[in-house]
N, C-alpha and C. Protein backbone atom coordinates (compact mmCIF):
# COMPACT_ATOMS: atom_id res chain seq x y z
N MET A 1 -84.66 -54.63 -161.24
CA MET A 1 -84.28 -55.83 -159.85
C MET A 1 -82.95 -56.31 -161.01
N ALA A 2 -83.49 -56.53 -161.79
CA ALA A 2 -82.80 -57.58 -163.17
C ALA A 2 -81.95 -56.71 -163.66
N SER A 3 -81.71 -55.25 -163.97
CA SER A 3 -80.46 -54.36 -164.10
C SER A 3 -79.42 -54.83 -162.57
N ARG A 4 -80.29 -54.81 -161.59
CA ARG A 4 -78.91 -54.28 -160.33
C ARG A 4 -78.15 -55.79 -160.56
N ARG A 5 -79.04 -56.82 -160.59
CA ARG A 5 -78.54 -57.71 -160.48
C ARG A 5 -77.03 -58.39 -161.81
N GLN A 6 -77.50 -57.49 -163.02
CA GLN A 6 -76.66 -57.01 -163.92
C GLN A 6 -75.24 -56.85 -163.56
N LYS A 7 -75.51 -55.42 -162.76
CA LYS A 7 -74.63 -54.54 -162.07
C LYS A 7 -73.87 -54.99 -161.05
N MET A 8 -74.53 -55.91 -160.34
CA MET A 8 -73.82 -56.47 -159.24
C MET A 8 -72.87 -57.60 -160.01
N LYS A 9 -73.25 -58.71 -160.88
CA LYS A 9 -72.52 -59.48 -161.53
C LYS A 9 -71.50 -58.89 -162.50
N GLY A 10 -71.64 -57.85 -162.57
CA GLY A 10 -70.15 -57.22 -163.38
C GLY A 10 -69.70 -56.69 -162.87
N GLU A 11 -69.46 -56.24 -161.90
CA GLU A 11 -68.88 -55.86 -160.38
C GLU A 11 -68.15 -56.96 -159.61
N THR A 12 -68.74 -57.81 -159.44
CA THR A 12 -68.09 -59.24 -159.10
C THR A 12 -66.90 -59.78 -160.08
N THR A 13 -66.99 -59.92 -161.08
CA THR A 13 -66.03 -60.24 -162.36
C THR A 13 -65.65 -59.47 -162.23
N SER A 14 -65.05 -57.89 -162.43
CA SER A 14 -64.47 -56.91 -162.45
C SER A 14 -63.24 -57.25 -160.98
N LEU A 15 -64.04 -58.28 -160.17
CA LEU A 15 -63.13 -58.00 -159.29
C LEU A 15 -61.98 -59.41 -159.02
N VAL A 16 -62.22 -59.84 -160.08
CA VAL A 16 -61.14 -60.84 -160.52
C VAL A 16 -59.75 -61.09 -161.23
N PRO A 17 -58.47 -60.74 -159.93
CA PRO A 17 -57.56 -60.67 -160.31
C PRO A 17 -56.19 -60.90 -161.41
N PRO A 18 -55.77 -60.01 -162.16
CA PRO A 18 -55.07 -60.25 -163.39
C PRO A 18 -54.37 -61.69 -162.90
N THR A 19 -53.46 -62.38 -163.56
CA THR A 19 -52.55 -63.49 -163.35
C THR A 19 -51.30 -62.18 -163.23
N ARG A 20 -50.77 -62.52 -162.11
CA ARG A 20 -49.09 -61.58 -161.51
C ARG A 20 -48.14 -62.11 -162.30
N ARG A 21 -47.96 -61.09 -162.97
CA ARG A 21 -46.35 -62.02 -163.62
C ARG A 21 -45.53 -61.95 -162.57
N VAL A 22 -44.11 -62.83 -162.76
CA VAL A 22 -43.08 -63.02 -161.75
C VAL A 22 -41.68 -61.98 -162.14
N LYS A 23 -41.31 -62.12 -161.16
CA LYS A 23 -39.57 -61.92 -161.24
C LYS A 23 -38.81 -62.97 -161.39
N VAL A 24 -37.93 -62.98 -162.82
CA VAL A 24 -37.37 -64.90 -162.34
C VAL A 24 -35.89 -64.40 -162.13
N THR A 25 -34.98 -65.27 -161.27
CA THR A 25 -34.08 -64.21 -160.81
C THR A 25 -32.77 -66.04 -161.33
N VAL A 26 -32.08 -65.42 -162.84
CA VAL A 26 -31.32 -66.69 -163.22
C VAL A 26 -30.06 -66.43 -162.18
N CYS A 27 -29.54 -67.94 -161.54
CA CYS A 27 -28.68 -68.84 -160.88
C CYS A 27 -27.66 -69.13 -161.22
N SER A 28 -26.21 -68.43 -161.10
CA SER A 28 -25.16 -69.79 -162.07
C SER A 28 -23.74 -69.59 -161.85
N SER A 29 -22.85 -70.21 -161.22
CA SER A 29 -21.75 -69.58 -161.37
C SER A 29 -20.97 -69.83 -162.48
N SER A 30 -22.06 -69.70 -163.56
CA SER A 30 -21.07 -69.21 -164.39
C SER A 30 -20.97 -67.90 -165.02
N LEU A 31 -20.58 -67.74 -165.70
CA LEU A 31 -20.47 -66.22 -166.42
C LEU A 31 -22.14 -66.00 -166.65
N MET A 32 -22.85 -64.47 -166.98
CA MET A 32 -23.81 -63.82 -167.50
C MET A 32 -23.73 -64.92 -168.66
N GLU A 33 -22.91 -63.99 -169.95
CA GLU A 33 -22.75 -64.59 -171.13
C GLU A 33 -23.14 -65.64 -171.41
N ASP A 34 -22.89 -66.84 -170.15
CA ASP A 34 -23.51 -68.24 -170.59
C ASP A 34 -24.78 -69.18 -170.72
N VAL A 35 -25.87 -67.75 -169.52
CA VAL A 35 -27.29 -67.94 -169.98
C VAL A 35 -27.53 -66.87 -170.32
N SER A 36 -26.95 -65.91 -171.02
CA SER A 36 -27.47 -64.86 -172.04
C SER A 36 -28.82 -65.00 -172.45
N GLY A 37 -28.46 -65.80 -173.49
CA GLY A 37 -29.67 -66.80 -174.47
C GLY A 37 -30.86 -66.89 -174.26
N LEU A 38 -31.10 -67.32 -172.81
CA LEU A 38 -31.98 -68.15 -171.89
C LEU A 38 -32.15 -66.76 -171.26
N ILE A 39 -31.80 -65.75 -171.21
CA ILE A 39 -32.36 -64.28 -169.91
C ILE A 39 -32.84 -63.59 -171.95
N GLN A 40 -32.59 -63.23 -172.28
CA GLN A 40 -32.94 -62.55 -173.88
C GLN A 40 -34.61 -64.38 -174.29
N TYR A 41 -34.53 -65.13 -174.55
CA TYR A 41 -35.61 -66.16 -175.06
C TYR A 41 -37.30 -65.49 -173.98
N ILE A 42 -36.11 -65.92 -172.26
CA ILE A 42 -37.53 -66.05 -171.09
C ILE A 42 -38.19 -63.85 -171.61
N GLN A 43 -37.25 -62.97 -172.06
CA GLN A 43 -37.22 -61.45 -171.78
C GLN A 43 -38.64 -61.47 -173.04
N GLN A 44 -37.64 -62.24 -174.66
CA GLN A 44 -39.07 -62.04 -175.47
C GLN A 44 -39.77 -62.94 -175.67
N LYS A 45 -39.94 -63.77 -175.38
CA LYS A 45 -40.96 -65.41 -175.93
C LYS A 45 -42.58 -65.17 -173.94
N LEU A 46 -41.68 -64.45 -173.09
CA LEU A 46 -42.96 -65.36 -171.70
C LEU A 46 -43.24 -63.52 -171.15
N PRO A 47 -43.22 -62.29 -171.56
CA PRO A 47 -43.25 -61.23 -171.17
C PRO A 47 -44.68 -61.05 -170.31
N ASP A 48 -45.65 -61.99 -170.98
CA ASP A 48 -47.24 -62.56 -170.49
C ASP A 48 -47.04 -63.14 -169.09
N VAL A 49 -45.68 -63.18 -168.96
CA VAL A 49 -46.10 -64.47 -167.70
C VAL A 49 -44.77 -63.68 -166.60
N VAL A 50 -43.92 -63.42 -167.49
CA VAL A 50 -42.37 -62.52 -166.75
C VAL A 50 -42.68 -61.58 -166.26
N GLU A 51 -42.65 -60.42 -165.30
CA GLU A 51 -42.48 -59.53 -165.32
C GLU A 51 -40.49 -59.10 -165.99
N LYS A 52 -40.27 -59.43 -165.27
CA LYS A 52 -38.78 -59.61 -164.76
C LYS A 52 -37.49 -60.47 -165.43
N VAL A 53 -36.60 -60.18 -165.64
CA VAL A 53 -35.36 -61.17 -165.25
C VAL A 53 -34.29 -60.59 -164.85
N GLU A 54 -32.90 -61.64 -164.30
CA GLU A 54 -32.41 -60.90 -163.79
C GLU A 54 -31.24 -61.62 -163.70
N PHE A 55 -29.75 -61.58 -163.35
CA PHE A 55 -28.87 -62.65 -163.48
C PHE A 55 -28.32 -62.29 -162.00
N ARG A 56 -28.06 -63.60 -161.20
CA ARG A 56 -27.28 -63.20 -160.08
C ARG A 56 -26.12 -64.35 -159.76
N SER A 57 -25.08 -63.44 -159.78
CA SER A 57 -24.10 -64.72 -159.90
C SER A 57 -23.06 -65.51 -158.40
N LEU A 58 -23.68 -66.85 -158.09
CA LEU A 58 -23.78 -67.74 -157.75
C LEU A 58 -21.98 -67.53 -157.02
N PRO A 59 -21.51 -68.48 -155.72
CA PRO A 59 -20.14 -68.16 -155.56
C PRO A 59 -19.59 -69.44 -156.43
N TYR A 60 -18.16 -69.55 -156.23
CA TYR A 60 -18.03 -70.58 -157.21
C TYR A 60 -18.11 -71.69 -155.91
N ASN A 61 -16.94 -71.93 -154.77
CA ASN A 61 -16.88 -72.33 -153.50
C ASN A 61 -18.36 -73.08 -152.92
N ILE A 62 -18.46 -74.00 -152.20
CA ILE A 62 -20.00 -75.08 -152.12
C ILE A 62 -20.44 -74.43 -150.73
N SER A 63 -19.49 -74.04 -149.80
CA SER A 63 -19.28 -73.43 -148.36
C SER A 63 -19.89 -72.11 -148.68
N ASP A 64 -19.58 -71.66 -149.76
CA ASP A 64 -19.90 -70.41 -150.41
C ASP A 64 -21.88 -70.14 -150.53
N ILE A 65 -21.58 -70.89 -151.98
CA ILE A 65 -23.41 -71.16 -152.31
C ILE A 65 -23.98 -71.93 -151.41
N ASP A 66 -24.38 -71.99 -150.31
CA ASP A 66 -24.11 -72.73 -149.32
C ASP A 66 -24.76 -71.38 -147.90
N LYS A 67 -24.44 -70.09 -148.46
CA LYS A 67 -24.67 -69.10 -147.95
C LYS A 67 -25.58 -67.93 -148.85
N PHE A 68 -25.36 -68.35 -149.81
CA PHE A 68 -25.83 -67.32 -150.87
C PHE A 68 -26.91 -66.83 -150.18
N ASP A 69 -27.18 -65.42 -150.61
CA ASP A 69 -28.10 -64.77 -149.93
C ASP A 69 -29.44 -64.99 -151.20
N LEU A 70 -30.64 -65.11 -150.04
CA LEU A 70 -32.06 -65.32 -151.07
C LEU A 70 -33.06 -64.27 -150.89
N ARG A 71 -32.60 -63.49 -150.10
CA ARG A 71 -34.02 -62.30 -150.20
C ARG A 71 -33.58 -61.86 -151.61
N GLY A 72 -34.95 -61.01 -152.38
CA GLY A 72 -35.54 -60.13 -152.84
C GLY A 72 -35.75 -61.64 -154.22
N ILE A 73 -35.52 -62.64 -154.15
CA ILE A 73 -35.70 -63.45 -155.16
C ILE A 73 -37.38 -63.79 -155.02
N ASP A 74 -38.41 -63.84 -155.93
CA ASP A 74 -39.04 -64.14 -156.30
C ASP A 74 -39.89 -65.72 -157.03
N VAL A 75 -38.66 -65.85 -157.87
CA VAL A 75 -38.87 -67.50 -158.56
C VAL A 75 -36.93 -67.68 -158.99
N LEU A 76 -36.33 -68.13 -158.41
CA LEU A 76 -35.76 -68.86 -158.80
C LEU A 76 -34.98 -70.22 -160.02
N LEU A 77 -34.42 -69.21 -160.54
CA LEU A 77 -34.01 -70.51 -161.68
C LEU A 77 -32.26 -70.67 -161.88
N LEU A 78 -31.73 -71.81 -161.47
CA LEU A 78 -30.52 -72.40 -161.16
C LEU A 78 -30.62 -73.32 -162.52
N CYS A 79 -29.13 -72.59 -163.10
CA CYS A 79 -28.61 -73.29 -164.32
C CYS A 79 -27.27 -73.60 -164.12
N HIS A 80 -26.75 -74.40 -164.03
CA HIS A 80 -25.72 -75.69 -164.24
C HIS A 80 -25.36 -75.77 -165.40
N SER A 81 -23.66 -75.07 -165.89
CA SER A 81 -23.22 -76.04 -167.23
C SER A 81 -22.15 -76.65 -166.74
N ILE A 82 -22.29 -78.18 -167.48
CA ILE A 82 -21.17 -79.31 -167.38
C ILE A 82 -19.71 -78.77 -167.74
N ASP A 83 -19.58 -77.85 -168.72
CA ASP A 83 -18.68 -77.36 -169.15
C ASP A 83 -17.84 -76.06 -168.03
N ASN A 84 -18.69 -76.15 -167.41
CA ASN A 84 -17.77 -75.28 -165.90
C ASN A 84 -17.86 -76.25 -164.74
N ARG A 85 -18.10 -76.83 -164.36
CA ARG A 85 -18.19 -77.31 -163.71
C ARG A 85 -19.37 -79.42 -163.63
N ARG A 86 -19.28 -80.14 -163.54
CA ARG A 86 -19.50 -81.16 -163.90
C ARG A 86 -21.04 -81.70 -163.38
N PHE A 87 -21.30 -82.80 -164.08
CA PHE A 87 -23.03 -83.31 -163.98
C PHE A 87 -23.23 -83.26 -162.48
N SER A 88 -23.05 -82.68 -161.44
CA SER A 88 -22.49 -83.01 -160.21
C SER A 88 -23.86 -82.16 -159.70
N ILE A 89 -24.91 -82.21 -158.84
CA ILE A 89 -25.88 -81.32 -159.01
C ILE A 89 -25.98 -82.07 -157.44
N THR A 90 -26.68 -82.77 -156.88
CA THR A 90 -26.74 -83.57 -155.78
C THR A 90 -26.80 -84.64 -155.57
N ASP A 91 -26.42 -85.49 -154.10
CA ASP A 91 -26.42 -86.63 -154.20
C ASP A 91 -25.27 -87.39 -154.99
N VAL A 92 -24.53 -86.71 -155.50
CA VAL A 92 -23.42 -87.52 -155.88
C VAL A 92 -21.92 -86.89 -155.49
N THR A 93 -21.22 -87.92 -156.16
CA THR A 93 -19.70 -87.46 -155.79
C THR A 93 -19.74 -85.55 -155.92
N ASP A 94 -19.29 -84.94 -155.20
CA ASP A 94 -18.59 -83.24 -155.49
C ASP A 94 -20.04 -82.48 -156.05
N ALA A 95 -21.13 -82.97 -155.19
CA ALA A 95 -22.47 -82.59 -155.82
C ALA A 95 -22.42 -80.97 -155.04
N LEU A 96 -22.57 -80.30 -155.87
CA LEU A 96 -22.65 -78.61 -155.30
C LEU A 96 -24.12 -77.97 -154.64
N TYR A 97 -24.78 -78.62 -154.56
CA TYR A 97 -26.30 -78.29 -153.94
C TYR A 97 -26.96 -78.93 -153.39
N ASP A 98 -26.04 -79.68 -152.74
CA ASP A 98 -27.14 -80.68 -151.61
C ASP A 98 -27.56 -79.97 -150.68
N ARG A 99 -27.13 -78.99 -150.43
CA ARG A 99 -27.81 -78.14 -149.00
C ARG A 99 -28.70 -77.29 -149.81
N PHE A 100 -27.93 -76.66 -150.57
CA PHE A 100 -28.83 -75.04 -151.06
C PHE A 100 -30.01 -75.20 -151.87
N LEU A 101 -30.10 -76.23 -152.24
CA LEU A 101 -30.90 -76.52 -153.28
C LEU A 101 -32.82 -76.58 -151.82
N PRO A 102 -32.46 -77.75 -151.37
CA PRO A 102 -33.46 -77.77 -149.91
C PRO A 102 -33.50 -76.15 -149.05
N ARG A 103 -32.36 -75.52 -148.70
CA ARG A 103 -32.44 -74.73 -148.83
C ARG A 103 -34.05 -73.13 -149.35
N ALA A 104 -33.23 -73.48 -150.54
CA ALA A 104 -34.13 -72.72 -151.30
C ALA A 104 -35.77 -73.36 -151.52
N LYS A 105 -35.38 -74.36 -151.53
CA LYS A 105 -37.05 -75.26 -151.04
C LYS A 105 -37.86 -74.52 -150.20
N LYS A 106 -37.16 -74.81 -148.98
CA LYS A 106 -37.71 -74.47 -147.62
C LYS A 106 -37.87 -72.56 -148.15
N TYR A 107 -37.10 -71.56 -148.37
CA TYR A 107 -37.34 -70.99 -148.15
C TYR A 107 -38.68 -69.91 -149.75
N PHE A 108 -38.42 -70.66 -150.57
CA PHE A 108 -39.15 -70.28 -151.69
C PHE A 108 -40.51 -71.09 -151.89
N GLY A 109 -40.59 -72.42 -151.34
CA GLY A 109 -41.87 -73.73 -151.46
C GLY A 109 -40.99 -74.14 -153.31
N LYS A 110 -41.43 -75.35 -153.04
CA LYS A 110 -41.15 -76.33 -154.56
C LYS A 110 -41.06 -75.23 -155.83
N GLY A 111 -42.49 -75.25 -155.78
CA GLY A 111 -42.83 -75.01 -157.47
C GLY A 111 -42.32 -73.27 -157.60
N LYS A 112 -41.29 -72.51 -157.00
CA LYS A 112 -40.94 -71.48 -157.15
C LYS A 112 -39.07 -71.67 -157.54
N VAL A 113 -38.56 -72.81 -157.18
CA VAL A 113 -37.72 -73.17 -157.46
C VAL A 113 -37.55 -74.42 -158.80
N GLY A 114 -36.40 -73.44 -159.90
CA GLY A 114 -35.89 -74.94 -161.33
C GLY A 114 -34.73 -75.03 -161.17
N VAL A 115 -34.26 -75.90 -161.93
CA VAL A 115 -33.18 -76.31 -162.47
C VAL A 115 -32.98 -76.49 -163.66
N ILE A 116 -31.78 -76.01 -164.54
CA ILE A 116 -31.71 -76.19 -165.94
C ILE A 116 -29.80 -76.44 -165.75
N VAL A 117 -29.70 -77.93 -166.00
CA VAL A 117 -28.57 -78.55 -166.11
C VAL A 117 -28.21 -78.58 -167.94
N HIS A 118 -27.13 -77.45 -168.32
CA HIS A 118 -27.26 -77.07 -169.77
C HIS A 118 -25.65 -77.47 -170.09
N ASP A 119 -25.57 -77.24 -171.84
CA ASP A 119 -23.73 -77.70 -172.11
C ASP A 119 -23.75 -78.93 -172.98
N PHE A 120 -24.94 -79.67 -172.93
CA PHE A 120 -24.45 -81.08 -173.35
C PHE A 120 -24.54 -81.06 -174.63
N SER A 121 -24.06 -82.17 -175.02
CA SER A 121 -23.98 -81.97 -176.35
C SER A 121 -25.09 -82.42 -177.18
N GLU A 122 -24.77 -82.60 -178.05
CA GLU A 122 -26.35 -82.63 -179.72
C GLU A 122 -26.53 -84.13 -179.34
N ASN A 123 -25.75 -84.91 -179.43
CA ASN A 123 -25.80 -86.23 -179.59
C ASN A 123 -26.80 -86.71 -178.35
N HIS A 124 -26.40 -86.16 -176.95
CA HIS A 124 -26.94 -86.56 -175.38
C HIS A 124 -28.35 -86.09 -175.72
N LEU A 125 -28.95 -85.15 -176.93
CA LEU A 125 -30.78 -84.38 -176.75
C LEU A 125 -31.31 -84.85 -177.80
N SER A 126 -30.48 -85.88 -177.96
CA SER A 126 -32.00 -86.70 -179.37
C SER A 126 -33.43 -86.56 -178.22
N GLU A 127 -34.48 -86.85 -179.12
CA GLU A 127 -35.80 -87.48 -178.59
C GLU A 127 -35.38 -88.41 -177.96
N ASP A 128 -34.17 -89.37 -178.64
CA ASP A 128 -34.09 -90.89 -178.01
C ASP A 128 -33.49 -90.90 -176.75
N ASN A 129 -32.53 -90.15 -176.61
CA ASN A 129 -31.51 -89.78 -175.38
C ASN A 129 -32.19 -89.18 -174.24
N ILE A 130 -32.97 -88.12 -174.58
CA ILE A 130 -33.34 -87.29 -173.14
C ILE A 130 -34.28 -87.72 -172.61
N PRO A 131 -34.99 -89.10 -172.60
CA PRO A 131 -35.93 -89.23 -171.59
C PRO A 131 -34.80 -90.15 -170.95
N SER A 132 -33.88 -90.80 -171.54
CA SER A 132 -33.27 -92.12 -170.77
C SER A 132 -32.08 -91.47 -170.08
N LYS A 133 -31.98 -89.96 -170.44
CA LYS A 133 -30.90 -89.42 -169.53
C LYS A 133 -31.48 -88.70 -168.24
N MET A 134 -32.70 -88.44 -168.18
CA MET A 134 -33.68 -87.45 -167.67
C MET A 134 -33.94 -88.54 -166.42
N SER A 135 -33.98 -89.75 -167.09
CA SER A 135 -34.22 -90.89 -165.95
C SER A 135 -33.25 -91.42 -165.36
N THR A 136 -32.06 -91.45 -165.80
CA THR A 136 -30.80 -91.55 -164.82
C THR A 136 -30.76 -90.40 -164.07
N PHE A 137 -30.90 -89.45 -164.34
CA PHE A 137 -30.20 -87.80 -163.32
C PHE A 137 -31.46 -88.49 -162.25
N ARG A 138 -32.81 -88.82 -162.62
CA ARG A 138 -33.41 -88.71 -161.51
C ARG A 138 -33.51 -90.33 -160.23
N HIS A 139 -32.81 -91.18 -160.83
CA HIS A 139 -32.60 -92.13 -160.13
C HIS A 139 -31.52 -91.49 -159.41
N THR A 140 -30.23 -90.90 -159.67
CA THR A 140 -29.41 -90.48 -159.47
C THR A 140 -29.18 -89.45 -158.56
N GLN A 141 -30.12 -88.64 -158.31
CA GLN A 141 -29.47 -87.13 -157.96
C GLN A 141 -30.88 -86.91 -157.38
N PRO A 142 -32.13 -87.54 -157.16
CA PRO A 142 -33.30 -87.68 -156.98
C PRO A 142 -33.47 -86.13 -155.62
N THR A 143 -32.55 -85.63 -154.87
CA THR A 143 -32.97 -84.31 -154.01
C THR A 143 -33.08 -82.89 -154.94
N THR A 144 -32.02 -83.84 -156.11
CA THR A 144 -33.05 -82.27 -156.65
C THR A 144 -33.89 -81.96 -157.42
N PHE A 145 -35.17 -83.17 -157.69
CA PHE A 145 -36.18 -83.40 -158.31
C PHE A 145 -37.40 -83.06 -156.92
N GLN A 146 -36.95 -83.84 -156.36
CA GLN A 146 -37.70 -83.29 -154.47
C GLN A 146 -37.40 -81.67 -154.57
N CYS A 147 -36.75 -80.96 -154.69
CA CYS A 147 -36.68 -79.48 -154.45
C CYS A 147 -37.57 -78.63 -155.45
N ALA A 148 -37.34 -79.54 -156.91
CA ALA A 148 -37.22 -78.17 -157.77
C ALA A 148 -38.92 -78.83 -158.92
N SER A 149 -39.29 -78.04 -158.84
CA SER A 149 -40.78 -78.32 -159.89
C SER A 149 -40.29 -78.41 -161.60
N LEU A 150 -39.30 -77.72 -161.37
CA LEU A 150 -38.82 -77.26 -162.89
C LEU A 150 -37.11 -78.15 -163.15
N VAL A 151 -36.99 -79.57 -163.47
CA VAL A 151 -35.78 -79.58 -164.07
C VAL A 151 -35.62 -80.12 -165.59
N LEU A 152 -34.33 -79.40 -166.36
CA LEU A 152 -34.28 -79.72 -167.55
C LEU A 152 -32.71 -80.11 -167.54
N ILE A 153 -32.35 -80.84 -168.75
CA ILE A 153 -31.50 -80.91 -169.33
C ILE A 153 -31.07 -80.08 -170.78
N GLY A 154 -30.72 -79.46 -171.20
CA GLY A 154 -30.70 -78.97 -172.56
C GLY A 154 -28.98 -78.98 -173.15
N GLY A 155 -28.64 -77.99 -174.27
CA GLY A 155 -27.28 -77.77 -174.93
C GLY A 155 -27.50 -76.31 -174.40
N GLN A 156 -26.37 -75.67 -175.11
CA GLN A 156 -26.29 -73.97 -175.37
C GLN A 156 -26.77 -73.35 -174.66
N LEU A 157 -27.20 -71.98 -174.19
CA LEU A 157 -27.59 -71.00 -173.35
C LEU A 157 -27.10 -69.76 -173.62
N SER A 158 -26.18 -69.72 -174.15
CA SER A 158 -25.74 -68.57 -174.56
C SER A 158 -25.75 -67.82 -175.29
N HIS A 159 -26.77 -67.82 -176.26
CA HIS A 159 -27.20 -67.36 -177.49
C HIS A 159 -28.21 -67.45 -177.95
N ASP A 160 -28.66 -66.74 -179.10
CA ASP A 160 -29.79 -67.04 -179.78
C ASP A 160 -30.34 -68.63 -180.11
N LEU A 161 -31.45 -68.79 -180.43
CA LEU A 161 -31.89 -70.40 -180.20
C LEU A 161 -31.61 -71.56 -179.62
N VAL A 162 -32.23 -71.13 -178.59
CA VAL A 162 -31.58 -71.89 -177.22
C VAL A 162 -31.73 -72.85 -177.50
N GLU A 163 -30.46 -74.19 -176.46
CA GLU A 163 -31.28 -75.67 -177.19
C GLU A 163 -31.47 -75.84 -176.25
N LEU A 164 -33.00 -76.10 -176.46
CA LEU A 164 -34.21 -76.57 -175.07
C LEU A 164 -35.37 -77.44 -176.74
N THR A 165 -36.32 -78.31 -176.56
CA THR A 165 -37.05 -78.58 -177.33
C THR A 165 -37.98 -77.75 -176.88
N ASN A 166 -39.46 -78.35 -177.92
CA ASN A 166 -40.25 -77.44 -177.98
C ASN A 166 -40.82 -77.91 -176.36
N GLU A 167 -40.38 -79.05 -176.35
CA GLU A 167 -41.89 -79.84 -175.08
C GLU A 167 -41.04 -79.00 -173.58
N GLN A 168 -40.06 -78.58 -173.81
CA GLN A 168 -38.59 -78.64 -172.85
C GLN A 168 -39.27 -77.21 -172.47
N ARG A 169 -39.44 -75.49 -173.46
CA ARG A 169 -40.10 -74.43 -173.71
C ARG A 169 -41.17 -74.16 -172.84
N SER A 170 -41.84 -75.12 -173.37
CA SER A 170 -43.28 -75.08 -172.78
C SER A 170 -43.50 -75.71 -171.44
N ASP A 171 -42.29 -76.22 -170.93
CA ASP A 171 -42.69 -76.77 -169.40
C ASP A 171 -41.83 -75.82 -168.87
N LEU A 172 -40.99 -74.66 -169.15
CA LEU A 172 -40.64 -73.43 -168.90
C LEU A 172 -41.69 -72.80 -169.10
N ARG A 173 -42.16 -72.08 -169.32
CA ARG A 173 -43.28 -71.20 -169.67
C ARG A 173 -44.51 -71.37 -168.47
N GLN A 174 -44.65 -73.09 -168.70
CA GLN A 174 -45.79 -73.40 -167.33
C GLN A 174 -45.16 -73.31 -165.74
N PHE A 175 -43.61 -72.96 -165.81
CA PHE A 175 -42.76 -72.90 -164.64
C PHE A 175 -42.86 -71.41 -163.79
N CYS A 176 -42.72 -71.17 -165.49
CA CYS A 176 -43.12 -69.45 -165.30
C CYS A 176 -44.63 -68.78 -164.95
N SER A 177 -45.41 -69.66 -165.16
CA SER A 177 -46.88 -68.46 -164.83
C SER A 177 -47.60 -68.97 -163.84
N ALA A 178 -46.62 -67.96 -162.33
CA ALA A 178 -47.04 -68.39 -161.39
C ALA A 178 -48.24 -69.09 -160.64
N THR A 179 -48.03 -70.17 -160.85
CA THR A 179 -49.75 -70.86 -160.32
C THR A 179 -49.39 -70.39 -158.74
N PRO A 180 -50.46 -70.62 -158.13
CA PRO A 180 -50.75 -70.40 -156.85
C PRO A 180 -49.95 -71.46 -155.29
N GLN A 181 -49.19 -70.98 -154.84
CA GLN A 181 -48.81 -72.11 -153.88
C GLN A 181 -49.82 -72.92 -153.18
N ILE A 182 -49.67 -73.69 -152.86
CA ILE A 182 -51.21 -74.70 -151.92
C ILE A 182 -50.78 -73.87 -150.82
N TRP A 183 -51.72 -73.92 -149.64
CA TRP A 183 -52.12 -73.36 -148.29
C TRP A 183 -50.86 -73.63 -147.66
N SER A 184 -50.85 -75.27 -147.85
CA SER A 184 -49.75 -75.94 -146.56
C SER A 184 -48.26 -75.32 -146.98
N GLU A 185 -47.88 -75.65 -148.27
CA GLU A 185 -46.62 -75.08 -148.68
C GLU A 185 -46.29 -73.53 -148.30
N ARG A 186 -47.40 -72.72 -148.19
CA ARG A 186 -47.61 -71.14 -147.93
C ARG A 186 -46.67 -71.32 -146.19
N ILE A 187 -47.85 -71.96 -145.95
CA ILE A 187 -47.59 -71.86 -144.40
C ILE A 187 -45.63 -72.21 -144.29
N GLN A 188 -45.59 -73.32 -144.94
CA GLN A 188 -44.34 -74.06 -144.37
C GLN A 188 -43.32 -72.91 -144.61
N VAL A 189 -43.78 -72.25 -146.10
CA VAL A 189 -42.50 -70.97 -146.57
C VAL A 189 -42.31 -70.18 -145.41
N MET A 190 -43.84 -69.72 -144.79
CA MET A 190 -43.61 -68.63 -143.99
C MET A 190 -43.23 -68.42 -142.78
N LEU A 191 -43.15 -69.87 -142.06
CA LEU A 191 -42.58 -70.21 -140.63
C LEU A 191 -41.39 -70.38 -140.85
N TYR A 192 -41.02 -71.20 -142.17
CA TYR A 192 -39.84 -70.65 -142.56
C TYR A 192 -38.50 -69.93 -142.41
N ARG A 193 -39.07 -68.69 -142.84
CA ARG A 193 -38.61 -67.63 -143.18
C ARG A 193 -38.45 -67.02 -141.87
N LEU A 194 -39.62 -67.37 -140.57
CA LEU A 194 -39.22 -66.85 -139.40
C LEU A 194 -38.58 -67.03 -138.59
N VAL A 195 -38.48 -68.28 -138.52
CA VAL A 195 -37.22 -69.25 -137.93
C VAL A 195 -35.96 -68.46 -138.45
N CYS A 196 -35.48 -68.26 -139.50
CA CYS A 196 -34.60 -67.35 -140.29
C CYS A 196 -34.49 -66.08 -139.71
N PHE A 197 -35.34 -65.75 -138.99
CA PHE A 197 -35.57 -64.09 -138.96
C PHE A 197 -35.11 -64.24 -137.34
N ILE A 198 -35.51 -64.99 -136.78
CA ILE A 198 -35.35 -65.01 -135.24
C ILE A 198 -34.13 -66.11 -135.35
N THR A 199 -33.53 -67.40 -135.69
CA THR A 199 -32.13 -67.46 -135.50
C THR A 199 -31.18 -66.71 -136.06
N CYS A 200 -31.32 -65.51 -137.03
CA CYS A 200 -29.97 -65.35 -138.10
C CYS A 200 -30.31 -63.82 -137.99
N GLY A 201 -31.54 -63.32 -137.90
CA GLY A 201 -32.19 -61.39 -137.53
C GLY A 201 -31.79 -61.13 -139.16
N TYR A 202 -32.55 -61.76 -139.91
CA TYR A 202 -32.71 -61.36 -141.07
C TYR A 202 -32.99 -63.32 -142.36
N LEU A 203 -34.06 -62.05 -143.21
CA LEU A 203 -35.12 -63.07 -144.06
C LEU A 203 -33.63 -64.15 -145.21
N ASN A 204 -33.09 -65.22 -144.23
CA ASN A 204 -32.27 -65.56 -145.25
C ASN A 204 -32.18 -67.52 -145.16
C-alpha cells in the first residue's frame, strides 16, 4: 500500500507542466538594426524563458500604427527610439501610441505588453537620474504605465552590451517569464478578441 502511495505521488509530481517559454515580438518604427543588440541579448541571455525572438516593423504614421496587425504575437515588446521620434509615447503632444497601447493591452493583457524607450544619452542613465526620469515619465505619460507591465528607459540597443542597468535586465527577465494571467484578465482578453472577430471578421 505504501509503495502504491509513493507511485501515485510520483505520478502526480510528473504531471506538473514545465514553465512555458514565450515568443517575444520586438516592435519598432525604427530599423531592426537599432534594436539588434536587444534581440541578441534576449536570445543569448534568456533562452530558458524565451523560445523565440522576432522583429516586426511598425508603420511610421500614427493612423497606420493604430491598424497594426496584432495577430500571431505572444508577448509584445514595443521599442521606441528618441533619436527616431521624440519622447512622445502617450498623453503628450504628438504621442504615437495613445490608441495602440490600450488596444494591445486589451488584446494581450497588460502582463504581455512591455515598452522600452531607448537611445537616451549616458548622463540621463546614471543611478541618480533614472528614478527621477521614470517618475516624470509616469506622471506625464500615465497611459503607458497603465497598459504595460514593463516600462524601461535605456541607452542604445543596437549592439552588444545594451545600455540597460542590471536591475532593468532583471525586470526584462521577469517580464519574459510567462507569469500566468489571472482569470479576470484572461476572460477580458477572450471577450475583446471575440468582439473583434464578430465586428471585424478577424482577431485583431
